[in-house]
C-alpha atoms as a PDB file:
ATOM      1  CA  MET A   1      -5.107 -27.094  43.275  1.00  0.00           C
ATOM      2  CA  LYS A   2      -8.280 -28.216  41.527  1.00  0.00           C
ATOM      3  CA  LYS A   3     -10.298 -25.635  43.422  1.00  0.00           C
ATOM      4  CA  TRP A   4      -7.900 -22.892  42.399  1.00  0.00           C
ATOM      5  CA  MET A   5      -8.150 -23.816  38.682  1.00  0.00           C
ATOM      6  CA  MET A   6     -11.982 -23.859  38.933  1.00  0.00           C
ATOM      7  CA  ILE A   7     -11.904 -20.317  40.361  1.00  0.00           C
ATOM      8  CA  VAL A   8      -9.582 -19.109  37.571  1.00  0.00           C
ATOM      9  CA  LEU A   9     -11.775 -20.772  34.937  1.00  0.00           C
ATOM     10  CA  ALA A  10     -14.966 -19.248  36.430  1.00  0.00           C
ATOM     11  CA  LEU A  11     -13.354 -15.769  36.440  1.00  0.00           C
ATOM     12  CA  ALA A  12     -12.154 -16.166  32.866  1.00  0.00           C
ATOM     13  CA  THR A  13     -15.621 -17.277  31.731  1.00  0.00           C
ATOM     14  CA  ALA A  14     -17.254 -14.355  33.559  1.00  0.00           C
ATOM     15  CA  SER A  15     -14.804 -11.941  31.897  1.00  0.00           C
ATOM     16  CA  PHE A  16     -15.505 -13.339  28.429  1.00  0.00           C
ATOM     17  CA  ALA A  17     -19.219 -13.007  28.978  1.00  0.00           C
ATOM     18  CA  ASP A  18     -18.753  -9.281  29.631  1.00  0.00           C
ATOM     19  CA  LEU A  19     -16.498  -8.795  26.594  1.00  0.00           C
ATOM     20  CA  LYS A  20     -18.095  -6.707  23.832  1.00  0.00           C
ATOM     21  CA  ILE A  21     -16.610  -7.560  20.423  1.00  0.00           C
ATOM     22  CA  ALA A  22     -17.132  -5.825  17.079  1.00  0.00           C
ATOM     23  CA  HIS A  23     -15.702  -6.402  13.646  1.00  0.00           C
ATOM     24  CA  VAL A  24     -14.694  -4.436  10.554  1.00  0.00           C
ATOM     25  CA  ASP A  25     -13.545  -5.186   7.003  1.00  0.00           C
ATOM     26  CA  SER A  26     -10.426  -3.085   6.758  1.00  0.00           C
ATOM     27  CA  LYS A  27      -9.919  -3.980   3.082  1.00  0.00           C
ATOM     28  CA  LEU A  28     -13.369  -2.619   2.251  1.00  0.00           C
ATOM     29  CA  ILE A  29     -12.765   0.521   4.325  1.00  0.00           C
ATOM     30  CA  PHE A  30      -9.432   1.104   2.601  1.00  0.00           C
ATOM     31  CA  GLU A  31     -10.963   0.641  -0.850  1.00  0.00           C
ATOM     32  CA  LYS A  32     -13.994   2.885  -0.233  1.00  0.00           C
ATOM     33  CA  TYR A  33     -12.275   5.651   1.692  1.00  0.00           C
ATOM     34  CA  ALA A  34     -12.189   8.784  -0.507  1.00  0.00           C
ATOM     35  CA  GLU A  35      -8.606   9.617   0.541  1.00  0.00           C
ATOM     36  CA  THR A  36      -7.461   6.237  -0.755  1.00  0.00           C
ATOM     37  CA  THR A  37      -8.839   6.938  -4.199  1.00  0.00           C
ATOM     38  CA  LYS A  38      -7.177  10.351  -4.318  1.00  0.00           C
ATOM     39  CA  ALA A  39      -3.893   8.847  -3.094  1.00  0.00           C
ATOM     40  CA  GLN A  40      -4.065   6.053  -5.614  1.00  0.00           C
ATOM     41  CA  LYS A  41      -4.410   8.575  -8.434  1.00  0.00           C
ATOM     42  CA  ASP A  42      -1.379  10.489  -7.173  1.00  0.00           C
ATOM     43  CA  TYR A  43       0.590   7.253  -6.861  1.00  0.00           C
ATOM     44  CA  ASP A  44      -0.410   6.117 -10.359  1.00  0.00           C
ATOM     45  CA  ARG A  45       0.685   9.459 -11.841  1.00  0.00           C
ATOM     46  CA  GLN A  46       4.136   9.080 -10.201  1.00  0.00           C
ATOM     47  CA  VAL A  47       4.484   5.472 -11.331  1.00  0.00           C
ATOM     48  CA  GLN A  48       3.536   6.487 -14.886  1.00  0.00           C
ATOM     49  CA  LYS A  49       6.238   9.192 -14.822  1.00  0.00           C
ATOM     50  CA  TRP A  50       8.824   6.646 -13.649  1.00  0.00           C
ATOM     51  CA  GLU A  51       7.732   4.193 -16.363  1.00  0.00           C
ATOM     52  CA  GLN A  52       8.016   6.910 -19.025  1.00  0.00           C
ATOM     53  CA  ASP A  53      11.494   7.824 -17.734  1.00  0.00           C
ATOM     54  CA  ALA A  54      12.585   4.179 -17.777  1.00  0.00           C
ATOM     55  CA  GLN A  55      11.193   3.654 -21.320  1.00  0.00           C
ATOM     56  CA  ALA A  56      12.945   6.803 -22.570  1.00  0.00           C
ATOM     57  CA  LYS A  57      16.267   5.689 -21.049  1.00  0.00           C
ATOM     58  CA  GLN A  58      15.830   2.166 -22.455  1.00  0.00           C
ATOM     59  CA  LYS A  59      14.984   3.555 -25.917  1.00  0.00           C
ATOM     60  CA  GLU A  60      18.051   5.809 -25.846  1.00  0.00           C
ATOM     61  CA  LEU A  61      20.161   2.766 -24.857  1.00  0.00           C
ATOM     62  CA  MET A  62      18.749   0.700 -27.735  1.00  0.00           C
ATOM     63  CA  GLU A  63      19.390   3.462 -30.241  1.00  0.00           C
ATOM     64  CA  MET A  64      23.019   3.838 -29.004  1.00  0.00           C
ATOM     65  CA  LYS A  65      23.543   0.079 -29.274  1.00  0.00           C
ATOM     66  CA  GLU A  66      22.010   0.022 -32.799  1.00  0.00           C
ATOM     67  CA  ARG A  67      24.176   2.942 -33.928  1.00  0.00           C
ATOM     68  CA  LEU A  68      27.274   1.294 -32.484  1.00  0.00           C
ATOM     69  CA  GLU A  69      26.518  -1.959 -34.297  1.00  0.00           C
ATOM     70  CA  LYS A  70      25.748  -0.280 -37.622  1.00  0.00           C
ATOM     71  CA  GLN A  71      28.775   2.036 -37.590  1.00  0.00           C
ATOM     72  CA  SER A  72      31.193  -0.375 -35.952  1.00  0.00           C
ATOM     73  CA  LEU A  73      32.995  -1.302 -39.190  1.00  0.00           C
ATOM     74  CA  MET A  74      33.390   2.313 -40.307  1.00  0.00           C
ATOM     75  CA  LEU A  75      34.709   3.704 -37.039  1.00  0.00           C
ATOM     76  CA  SER A  76      38.268   4.026 -35.908  1.00  0.00           C
ATOM     77  CA  GLU A  77      39.179   1.964 -32.887  1.00  0.00           C
ATOM     78  CA  GLU A  78      39.435   5.086 -30.802  1.00  0.00           C
ATOM     79  CA  LYS A  79      35.949   6.336 -31.796  1.00  0.00           C
ATOM     80  CA  LYS A  80      34.491   2.851 -31.349  1.00  0.00           C
ATOM     81  CA  LYS A  81      35.920   2.578 -27.832  1.00  0.00           C
ATOM     82  CA  GLU A  82      34.524   6.026 -27.022  1.00  0.00           C
ATOM     83  CA  LEU A  83      31.028   5.050 -28.172  1.00  0.00           C
ATOM     84  CA  GLU A  84      31.215   1.719 -26.295  1.00  0.00           C
ATOM     85  CA  ALA A  85      32.281   3.571 -23.135  1.00  0.00           C
ATOM     86  CA  ASN A  86      29.338   5.989 -23.542  1.00  0.00           C
ATOM     87  CA  PHE A  87      27.003   3.046 -24.096  1.00  0.00           C
ATOM     88  CA  GLN A  88      28.282   1.307 -20.961  1.00  0.00           C
ATOM     89  CA  LYS A  89      27.965   4.496 -18.967  1.00  0.00           C
ATOM     90  CA  LYS A  90      24.325   4.966 -20.152  1.00  0.00           C
ATOM     91  CA  LYS A  91      23.612   1.309 -19.453  1.00  0.00           C
ATOM     92  CA  SER A  92      24.932   1.671 -15.910  1.00  0.00           C
ATOM     93  CA  GLU A  93      22.858   4.818 -15.393  1.00  0.00           C
ATOM     94  CA  TYR A  94      19.762   2.987 -16.633  1.00  0.00           C
ATOM     95  CA  GLU A  95      20.385   0.016 -14.328  1.00  0.00           C
ATOM     96  CA  ALA A  96      20.991   2.346 -11.404  1.00  0.00           C
ATOM     97  CA  PHE A  97      17.740   4.201 -12.186  1.00  0.00           C
ATOM     98  CA  VAL A  98      15.755   0.952 -12.373  1.00  0.00           C
ATOM     99  CA  GLN A  99      17.255  -0.223  -9.069  1.00  0.00           C
ATOM    100  CA  GLU A 100      16.633   3.121  -7.400  1.00  0.00           C
ATOM    101  CA  VAL A 101      12.964   3.195  -8.473  1.00  0.00           C
ATOM    102  CA  TYR A 102      11.924  -0.465  -8.670  1.00  0.00           C
ATOM    103  CA  GLY A 103      14.447  -2.168  -6.359  1.00  0.00           C
ATOM    104  CA  LYS A 104      13.711  -3.429  -2.895  1.00  0.00           C
ATOM    105  CA  GLU A 105      12.756  -0.398  -0.782  1.00  0.00           C
ATOM    106  CA  GLY A 106      13.250   1.792  -3.859  1.00  0.00           C
ATOM    107  CA  ALA A 107      11.369   4.999  -4.658  1.00  0.00           C
ATOM    108  CA  LEU A 108       8.284   3.046  -5.700  1.00  0.00           C
ATOM    109  CA  TYR A 109       8.162   1.293  -2.305  1.00  0.00           C
ATOM    110  CA  ARG A 110       8.883   4.520  -0.423  1.00  0.00           C
ATOM    111  CA  LYS A 111       6.182   6.403  -2.338  1.00  0.00           C
ATOM    112  CA  ASN A 112       3.631   3.690  -1.593  1.00  0.00           C
ATOM    113  CA  GLN A 113       4.534   3.882   2.146  1.00  0.00           C
ATOM    114  CA  GLU A 114       4.448   7.649   2.125  1.00  0.00           C
ATOM    115  CA  ILE A 115       0.968   7.650   0.621  1.00  0.00           C
ATOM    116  CA  SER A 116      -0.619   4.669   2.348  1.00  0.00           C
ATOM    117  CA  ASP A 117       0.784   4.959   5.904  1.00  0.00           C
ATOM    118  CA  PRO A 118      -1.149   8.092   6.889  1.00  0.00           C
ATOM    119  CA  ILE A 119      -4.359   6.595   5.406  1.00  0.00           C
ATOM    120  CA  VAL A 120      -3.884   3.343   7.314  1.00  0.00           C
ATOM    121  CA  GLN A 121      -3.144   5.226  10.537  1.00  0.00           C
ATOM    122  CA  LYS A 122      -6.240   7.386  10.134  1.00  0.00           C
ATOM    123  CA  ILE A 123      -8.392   4.308   9.479  1.00  0.00           C
ATOM    124  CA  LYS A 124      -6.966   2.570  12.609  1.00  0.00           C
ATOM    125  CA  LYS A 125      -7.587   5.631  14.721  1.00  0.00           C
ATOM    126  CA  THR A 126     -11.131   5.976  13.471  1.00  0.00           C
ATOM    127  CA  ILE A 127     -11.836   2.313  14.185  1.00  0.00           C
ATOM    128  CA  GLN A 128     -10.447   2.816  17.729  1.00  0.00           C
ATOM    129  CA  ASP A 129     -12.516   5.967  18.253  1.00  0.00           C
ATOM    130  CA  VAL A 130     -15.762   4.278  17.093  1.00  0.00           C
ATOM    131  CA  ALA A 131     -15.038   1.217  19.244  1.00  0.00           C
ATOM    132  CA  ASN A 132     -14.378   3.383  22.278  1.00  0.00           C
ATOM    133  CA  GLN A 133     -17.489   5.544  21.707  1.00  0.00           C
ATOM    134  CA  GLU A 134     -19.682   2.459  21.380  1.00  0.00           C
ATOM    135  CA  GLY A 135     -18.088   0.551  24.278  1.00  0.00           C
ATOM    136  CA  TYR A 136     -16.443  -2.291  22.422  1.00  0.00           C
ATOM    137  CA  ASP A 137     -13.573  -4.088  24.147  1.00  0.00           C
ATOM    138  CA  MET A 138     -12.169  -5.676  20.986  1.00  0.00           C
ATOM    139  CA  VAL A 139     -12.473  -5.185  17.212  1.00  0.00           C
ATOM    140  CA  LEU A 140     -11.631  -8.022  14.854  1.00  0.00           C
ATOM    141  CA  ASP A 141     -10.705  -7.535  11.219  1.00  0.00           C
ATOM    142  CA  ARG A 142     -12.593  -9.766   8.767  1.00  0.00           C
ATOM    143  CA  ALA A 143     -10.053  -8.930   6.078  1.00  0.00           C
ATOM    144  CA  ALA A 144      -7.452 -10.817   8.125  1.00  0.00           C
ATOM    145  CA  GLY A 145      -9.463 -13.965   7.557  1.00  0.00           C
ATOM    146  CA  ALA A 146      -9.704 -14.963  11.243  1.00  0.00           C
ATOM    147  CA  VAL A 147     -13.412 -14.184  11.637  1.00  0.00           C
ATOM    148  CA  VAL A 148     -15.647 -16.999  10.335  1.00  0.00           C
ATOM    149  CA  TYR A 149     -18.987 -15.716  11.633  1.00  0.00           C
ATOM    150  CA  TRP A 150     -20.163 -12.271  12.489  1.00  0.00           C
ATOM    151  CA  LYS A 151     -23.332 -10.628  13.568  1.00  0.00           C
ATOM    152  CA  LYS A 152     -24.306  -7.692  11.309  1.00  0.00           C
ATOM    153  CA  ASP A 153     -25.208  -5.665  14.429  1.00  0.00           C
ATOM    154  CA  ASN A 154     -21.542  -5.679  15.507  1.00  0.00           C
ATOM    155  CA  ASP A 155     -20.158  -4.596  12.132  1.00  0.00           C
ATOM    156  CA  LEU A 156     -18.545  -1.168  12.434  1.00  0.00           C
ATOM    157  CA  THR A 157     -17.379  -0.975   8.802  1.00  0.00           C
ATOM    158  CA  GLN A 158     -20.062   1.392   7.508  1.00  0.00           C
ATOM    159  CA  ARG A 159     -19.899   3.637  10.566  1.00  0.00           C
ATOM    160  CA  VAL A 160     -16.098   3.953  10.179  1.00  0.00           C
ATOM    161  CA  LEU A 161     -16.477   4.707   6.458  1.00  0.00           C
ATOM    162  CA  GLU A 162     -19.116   7.377   7.148  1.00  0.00           C
ATOM    163  CA  ILE A 163     -16.857   9.098   9.620  1.00  0.00           C
ATOM    164  CA  LEU A 164     -13.820   8.920   7.304  1.00  0.00           C
ATOM    165  CA  ASN A 165     -15.780  10.182   4.295  1.00  0.00           C
ATOM    166  CA  LYS A 166     -17.923  12.785   6.061  1.00  0.00           C
ATOM    167  CA  ASP A 167     -15.857  15.656   4.561  1.00  0.00           C
ATOM    168  CA  THR A 168     -16.527  14.450   1.002  1.00  0.00           C
ATOM    169  CA  PRO A 169     -20.271  13.888   0.460  1.00  0.00           C
ATOM    170  CA  ALA A 170     -19.819  12.341  -3.026  1.00  0.00           C
ATOM    171  CA  ALA A 171     -17.371   9.794  -1.620  1.00  0.00           C
ATOM    172  CA  ALA A 172     -19.680   8.957   1.277  1.00  0.00           C
ATOM    173  CA  ALA A 173     -22.549   8.292  -1.141  1.00  0.00           C
ATOM    174  CA  THR A 174     -20.466   5.769  -3.125  1.00  0.00           C
ATOM    175  CA  ALA A 175     -19.261   4.050   0.061  1.00  0.00           C
ATOM    176  CA  LYS A 176     -22.729   2.688   0.848  1.00  0.00           C
END
C-alpha cells in the first residue's frame, strides 16, 4: 500500500512540474477594454432615462397629492373620491414602474446582463485563446484574490488587452 501511494505521489509531482501556469487580472482587462467603456456609456444613458422617468412620475404624484390636499375642503365627496382614486392609480403605476426597473432581476439588472455578458464571454475566450497559443495549462485570475505571488513573465493581461483592443488603436494606447 505504501509503495502504491509513493508511485501516485511521484506521478502527481511529475505532472505538477510539467504544468505551465499563467495569470491575468480580469478586473483590469474589463476596465481597460474599449468595448466596456462604450457599453458603460450606453448603460449609463439608459439608467439616466429610467431615472428621469421615475423622477417625472414621482413629481406628478407629489403634485397630485398637493392638489388633493389643498382642494380637499372645497371638493364634493364624489370629486374628492375620484381624485383620490386617480392618485392611488398613479401611485400604483409608479410603484410598478420602480419595481419593474429597479427590482430584483428588473430591467436595470437585465440591461446590465445584456451589455456585460457578451463582453465577459469575449474576454474569457480571448484569455483561453492566448493561453492555448502560448501553451499554458492553467490561467489564474488575480482579481479573484487567490493568487498571492506571480511572476511578471507569466502575466497575460496586457497581451489579452492588446488582442481585444486591436480594432480600436486609441483604446489600445490607453490600455498600456
